[in-house]
Protein backbone atom coordinates (compact mmCIF):
# COMPACT_ATOMS: atom_id res chain seq x y z
CA MET A 1 168.68 121.55 85.98
CA GLN A 2 167.39 123.35 82.88
CA GLU A 3 170.45 122.22 80.94
CA THR A 4 169.87 118.61 82.02
CA ARG A 5 166.25 118.75 80.83
CA ILE A 6 167.29 120.18 77.46
CA LEU A 7 169.90 117.46 76.99
CA SER A 8 167.38 114.80 77.99
CA ARG A 9 164.91 116.18 75.42
CA ILE A 10 167.63 116.12 72.75
CA ASN A 11 168.50 112.53 73.62
CA ARG A 12 164.85 111.54 73.33
CA GLN A 13 164.56 113.15 69.91
CA LYS A 14 167.68 111.32 68.74
CA LEU A 15 166.35 108.06 70.14
CA LEU A 16 163.08 108.38 68.26
CA SER A 17 164.56 109.79 65.08
CA PRO A 18 164.18 107.49 62.06
CA ALA A 19 167.76 108.26 61.08
CA SER A 20 169.02 106.72 64.31
CA ALA A 21 167.15 103.48 63.82
CA SER A 22 169.28 100.42 63.31
CA PRO A 23 168.61 98.38 60.15
CA LYS A 24 168.51 95.31 62.36
CA HIS A 25 165.44 96.68 64.10
CA THR A 26 163.38 96.32 60.95
CA LYS A 27 164.20 92.61 60.75
CA PHE A 28 163.44 91.51 64.30
CA HIS A 29 159.86 90.49 63.48
CA ALA A 30 161.23 87.64 61.36
CA ASP A 31 162.59 85.98 64.51
CA VAL A 32 159.45 86.33 66.62
CA PHE A 33 158.75 82.67 65.92
CA THR A 34 161.99 81.71 67.68
CA ILE A 35 161.07 83.49 70.90
CA LEU A 36 157.47 82.28 70.89
CA SER A 37 158.60 78.71 70.20
CA ALA A 38 160.84 78.84 73.25
CA PHE A 39 157.91 80.29 75.19
CA CYS A 40 155.77 77.29 74.18
CA LEU A 41 158.59 74.93 75.12
CA VAL A 42 158.74 76.30 78.65
CA PHE A 43 155.00 75.80 79.10
CA PHE A 44 155.23 72.31 77.62
CA VAL A 45 157.81 71.40 80.24
CA PHE A 46 155.63 73.13 82.84
CA ALA A 47 152.64 70.96 81.93
CA ARG A 48 154.72 67.81 81.78
CA TYR A 49 156.16 68.48 85.21
CA ASN A 50 152.80 69.12 86.81
CA HIS A 51 152.18 65.41 87.45
CA THR A 52 155.66 65.10 88.94
CA LEU A 53 154.88 67.96 91.31
CA GLN A 54 151.83 66.15 92.60
CA ARG A 55 153.83 62.99 93.20
CA THR A 56 156.37 64.92 95.28
CA LEU A 57 154.05 66.82 97.63
CA ASP A 58 155.13 64.59 100.53
CA GLY A 59 158.83 65.23 100.01
CA ALA A 60 160.54 62.61 97.88
CA ALA A 61 159.58 61.79 94.33
CA ALA A 62 157.92 58.48 93.62
CA PRO A 63 159.99 55.83 91.85
CA ILE A 64 160.17 56.40 88.12
CA PRO A 65 159.13 53.46 85.94
CA GLU A 66 161.85 52.01 83.74
CA LYS A 67 159.97 52.80 80.55
CA GLU A 68 159.93 56.52 81.43
CA VAL A 69 163.58 56.91 82.33
CA CYS A 70 164.51 58.30 78.91
CA SER A 71 161.68 60.83 78.74
CA MET A 72 162.52 64.52 78.84
CA ARG A 73 160.36 65.14 81.90
CA ASN A 74 162.05 62.53 84.05
CA TRP A 75 165.52 63.41 82.80
CA PHE A 76 164.99 66.99 83.97
CA SER A 77 163.42 65.78 87.23
CA ARG A 78 166.61 63.83 87.91
CA HIS A 79 168.86 66.70 86.80
CA PRO A 80 167.31 69.98 88.04
CA VAL A 81 170.67 71.76 87.89
CA SER A 82 170.90 70.92 84.19
CA PHE A 83 167.38 72.24 83.70
CA MET A 84 168.39 75.55 85.28
CA ALA A 85 171.55 75.67 83.19
CA PHE A 86 169.63 75.07 79.96
CA TYR A 87 167.17 77.82 80.77
CA LEU A 88 169.95 80.22 81.76
CA LEU A 89 171.58 79.62 78.39
CA PHE A 90 168.27 80.24 76.60
CA TYR A 91 167.52 83.39 78.63
CA LEU A 92 170.94 84.97 78.14
CA SER A 93 170.88 84.17 74.42
CA ALA A 94 167.38 85.60 73.98
CA PHE A 95 168.18 88.74 75.99
CA HIS A 96 171.38 89.29 74.02
CA TRP A 97 169.43 88.93 70.80
CA LEU A 98 166.98 91.56 72.00
CA GLU A 99 169.76 93.95 72.95
CA VAL A 100 171.36 93.58 69.52
CA HIS A 101 168.28 93.65 67.30
CA ILE A 102 166.07 96.18 69.07
CA ALA A 103 167.96 99.46 68.96
CA VAL A 104 164.95 101.82 69.04
CA PRO A 105 161.88 101.22 71.23
CA ASP A 106 158.36 101.57 69.94
CA VAL A 107 157.20 103.01 73.28
CA LEU A 108 158.98 105.13 75.89
CA VAL A 109 157.50 104.09 79.24
CA HIS A 110 156.85 107.04 81.54
CA CYS A 111 154.40 108.35 84.11
CA HIS A 112 154.26 111.46 86.28
CA LEU A 113 155.29 109.53 89.39
CA ASP A 114 158.65 108.76 87.76
CA ASP A 115 159.51 112.46 87.78
CA LEU A 116 158.81 112.70 91.51
CA ILE A 117 161.18 109.88 92.47
CA PRO A 118 164.75 111.11 93.03
CA PHE A 119 167.85 109.40 91.71
CA CYS A 120 169.84 107.53 94.38
CA LYS A 121 173.16 105.91 93.58
CA TYR A 122 173.15 103.89 96.82
CA ALA A 123 170.25 101.83 95.46
CA ILE A 124 172.84 99.97 93.39
CA VAL A 125 173.45 97.69 96.41
CA PRO A 126 170.02 95.98 96.50
CA TYR A 127 169.85 96.14 92.69
CA PHE A 128 173.00 94.00 92.40
CA ALA A 129 171.84 91.78 95.29
CA TRP A 130 169.14 90.49 92.92
CA PHE A 131 171.79 88.63 90.91
CA LEU A 132 172.84 86.66 94.01
CA TRP A 133 169.39 86.19 95.53
CA ILE A 134 168.00 84.16 92.62
CA PRO A 135 170.62 81.36 92.56
CA PHE A 136 170.81 81.34 96.36
CA THR A 137 167.07 80.73 96.71
CA LEU A 138 166.89 78.15 93.94
CA PHE A 139 169.79 76.09 95.26
CA TYR A 140 168.65 76.49 98.87
CA LEU A 141 165.24 75.04 98.06
CA LEU A 142 166.83 72.36 95.89
CA TRP A 143 169.05 71.12 98.70
CA LYS A 144 167.05 71.89 101.85
CA ALA A 145 163.36 71.76 100.89
CA PRO A 146 161.11 69.05 99.43
CA ARG A 147 161.65 68.81 95.71
CA ALA A 148 158.08 70.02 95.10
CA ASP A 149 158.94 73.39 96.69
CA PHE A 150 161.85 73.79 94.28
CA TRP A 151 159.72 73.11 91.18
CA ARG A 152 156.91 75.25 92.58
CA LEU A 153 159.30 78.21 92.41
CA CYS A 154 161.40 77.25 89.40
CA LEU A 155 158.63 76.74 86.86
CA PRO A 156 156.61 79.96 87.40
CA LEU A 157 159.88 81.88 87.67
CA PHE A 158 161.17 80.70 84.31
CA ALA A 159 157.75 80.92 82.66
CA GLY A 160 157.37 84.56 83.76
CA MET A 161 160.83 85.49 82.51
CA THR A 162 159.96 83.95 79.14
CA ILE A 163 156.68 85.86 79.02
CA ALA A 164 158.61 89.07 79.69
CA LEU A 165 160.98 88.30 76.82
CA ALA A 166 158.00 87.72 74.53
CA CYS A 167 156.56 91.09 75.61
CA TYR A 168 159.84 92.77 74.67
CA VAL A 169 159.64 91.24 71.20
CA ILE A 170 155.98 92.06 70.59
CA LEU A 171 156.18 95.62 71.96
CA PRO A 172 159.75 96.96 72.32
CA THR A 173 159.87 99.43 75.21
CA GLY A 174 162.49 101.83 76.50
CA LEU A 175 163.19 104.57 79.04
CA ASP A 176 164.38 108.16 79.00
CA LEU A 177 164.69 108.59 82.75
CA ARG A 178 168.39 108.24 83.46
CA PRO A 179 170.36 111.30 84.62
CA TYR A 180 172.60 112.88 82.04
CA ARG A 181 175.65 112.27 84.23
CA VAL A 182 176.37 110.36 87.46
CA TYR A 183 178.76 112.45 89.52
CA GLY A 184 181.26 111.14 92.06
CA SER A 185 184.33 108.91 92.24
CA ASP A 186 183.05 106.68 95.04
CA LEU A 187 182.28 102.99 94.62
CA PHE A 188 178.52 103.52 94.30
CA ALA A 189 178.81 106.10 91.51
CA GLN A 190 181.31 103.94 89.64
CA ALA A 191 178.99 100.93 89.93
CA VAL A 192 176.08 102.93 88.53
CA ARG A 193 178.16 104.18 85.62
CA MET A 194 179.24 100.61 84.93
CA LEU A 195 175.59 99.49 84.99
CA TYR A 196 174.54 102.24 82.59
CA ALA A 197 177.42 101.38 80.24
CA THR A 198 176.53 97.68 80.06
CA ASP A 199 172.72 97.71 80.36
CA THR A 200 170.82 99.70 77.77
CA PRO A 201 167.52 101.41 78.78
CA LEU A 202 165.58 99.06 76.50
CA ASN A 203 163.36 95.99 77.04
CA VAL A 204 162.00 97.22 80.34
CA CYS A 205 158.27 96.47 80.57
CA PRO A 206 157.43 94.39 82.52
CA SER A 207 160.38 94.50 84.90
CA ILE A 208 162.07 91.12 85.29
CA HIS A 209 163.85 92.44 88.39
CA VAL A 210 160.48 93.11 90.02
CA PHE A 211 158.81 89.93 88.77
CA ASN A 212 161.60 87.71 90.06
CA SER A 213 161.78 89.47 93.42
CA VAL A 214 158.05 89.09 94.10
CA THR A 215 158.08 85.45 92.95
CA LEU A 216 161.04 84.65 95.21
CA MET A 217 159.43 86.35 98.20
CA MET A 218 156.22 84.35 97.76
CA ALA A 219 158.28 81.15 97.69
CA TYR A 220 159.70 81.95 101.14
CA TYR A 221 156.23 82.44 102.56
CA ARG A 222 154.85 79.33 100.82
CA SER A 223 157.50 76.75 101.71
CA ARG A 224 157.03 75.14 105.11
CA ILE A 225 160.75 74.77 105.76
CA PHE A 226 160.81 78.46 106.67
CA GLU A 227 158.38 77.83 109.52
CA THR A 228 161.12 76.27 111.65
CA PRO A 229 162.65 78.55 114.32
CA GLY A 230 166.08 78.53 112.70
CA ARG A 231 164.74 79.70 109.33
CA ARG A 232 161.77 81.84 110.34
CA TRP A 233 163.81 85.03 110.06
CA MET A 234 164.29 84.40 106.35
CA ARG A 235 160.66 85.26 105.56
CA PRO A 236 160.70 88.89 106.76
CA ALA A 237 164.24 89.21 105.40
CA SER A 238 163.00 88.16 101.95
CA ALA A 239 160.19 90.73 102.16
CA VAL A 240 162.66 93.50 103.03
CA LEU A 241 165.01 92.45 100.24
CA CYS A 242 162.13 92.26 97.76
CA MET A 243 160.93 95.76 98.62
CA SER A 244 164.50 97.08 98.46
CA ILE A 245 165.09 95.63 95.00
CA ILE A 246 161.78 97.01 93.72
CA ALA A 247 162.65 100.45 95.10
CA SER A 248 166.13 100.28 93.57
CA THR A 249 164.73 99.82 90.07
CA VAL A 250 163.01 103.21 90.18
CA LEU A 251 165.64 105.00 92.29
CA LEU A 252 168.31 104.07 89.76
CA LYS A 253 165.98 105.07 86.90
CA GLN A 254 166.27 101.57 85.48
CA HIS A 255 162.51 101.17 85.35
CA SER A 256 159.34 103.20 85.35
CA CYS A 257 156.63 102.70 87.94
CA ILE A 258 154.57 101.17 85.13
CA ASP A 259 157.21 98.47 84.66
CA VAL A 260 157.10 97.79 88.40
CA LEU A 261 153.32 97.47 88.48
CA LEU A 262 153.21 95.08 85.53
CA GLY A 263 156.03 92.99 86.99
CA ILE A 264 154.08 92.58 90.24
CA LEU A 265 150.87 91.72 88.38
CA LEU A 266 152.69 89.11 86.28
CA ALA A 267 154.11 87.44 89.40
CA MET A 268 150.71 87.36 91.09
CA ALA A 269 148.95 86.06 87.98
CA LEU A 270 151.38 83.17 87.50
CA ASP A 271 151.31 82.27 91.19
CA THR A 272 147.50 82.26 91.17
CA GLY A 273 147.43 80.15 88.03
CA MET A 274 149.90 77.66 89.46
CA THR A 275 147.90 77.37 92.67
CA ALA A 276 144.67 76.79 90.76
CA LEU A 277 146.38 74.13 88.64
CA GLU A 278 147.67 72.33 91.72
CA ARG A 279 144.23 72.34 93.34
CA SER A 280 142.52 71.00 90.22
CA ASP A 281 145.03 68.17 89.95
CA ALA A 282 144.68 67.39 93.64
CA ARG A 283 140.90 67.08 93.22
CA ALA A 284 141.41 64.86 90.18
CA LEU A 285 143.71 62.57 92.19
CA GLN A 286 141.15 62.36 95.00
CA ARG A 287 138.53 61.07 92.57
CA LEU A 288 140.77 58.17 91.54
């Protein structure tokens, strides 16, 4: 244990050493405009879609006038899968850029509670389940629920992920919590080693894993299609999966408890803002 702590301290010193800094890290501020422009684009689409959301509260979207067919808003409303594909391309490109250009964090996120949480390799199961849960929920709502329920999840979800990317650019964060070595030849240990080899302990605060999980869970409890007897079980199942994914982020030492807290707060803030926006537009429509 003492040897592990010494090695961890040495790794931290190397990580923060100016000699270990990548030259690319000094240039990343020049591309802040790119990330923030994409951030503004997402909110522009969000605002443009807001009227469409109100028109689809009863299930099906209202007929689109001929003169609006070529507009970006209505093209995306007719092609939601393309909208998701475009955002996925943007997100993966932006995250790859961050991984390449930010080699040394400005802040190592840590709190005392992190030291009290043990490492657990079996937490890799719910951690990887996150990658399947997101597309499953999006496509399930797209095909089974009113279109408004799909956009009510999709837009805050993508907006929050973009906000997280912007946070990583403005204040690069990292972790020094991972164990020095993951022992074992079983499937779980191999999966953790593969995760550590492909995912650097950088760009961690707030946690996108946590933000997405909380946002997805709230969508299950908000959509009325899950009130039917055949789907009612999906609400508590989503809560269990959400809690499992959140726990996995700290048990695998992928995130600090601070990352978790800020991810939850971001999800709640965007959901509250979206709800307030819907109510204000509903009152505006009632006055007409």
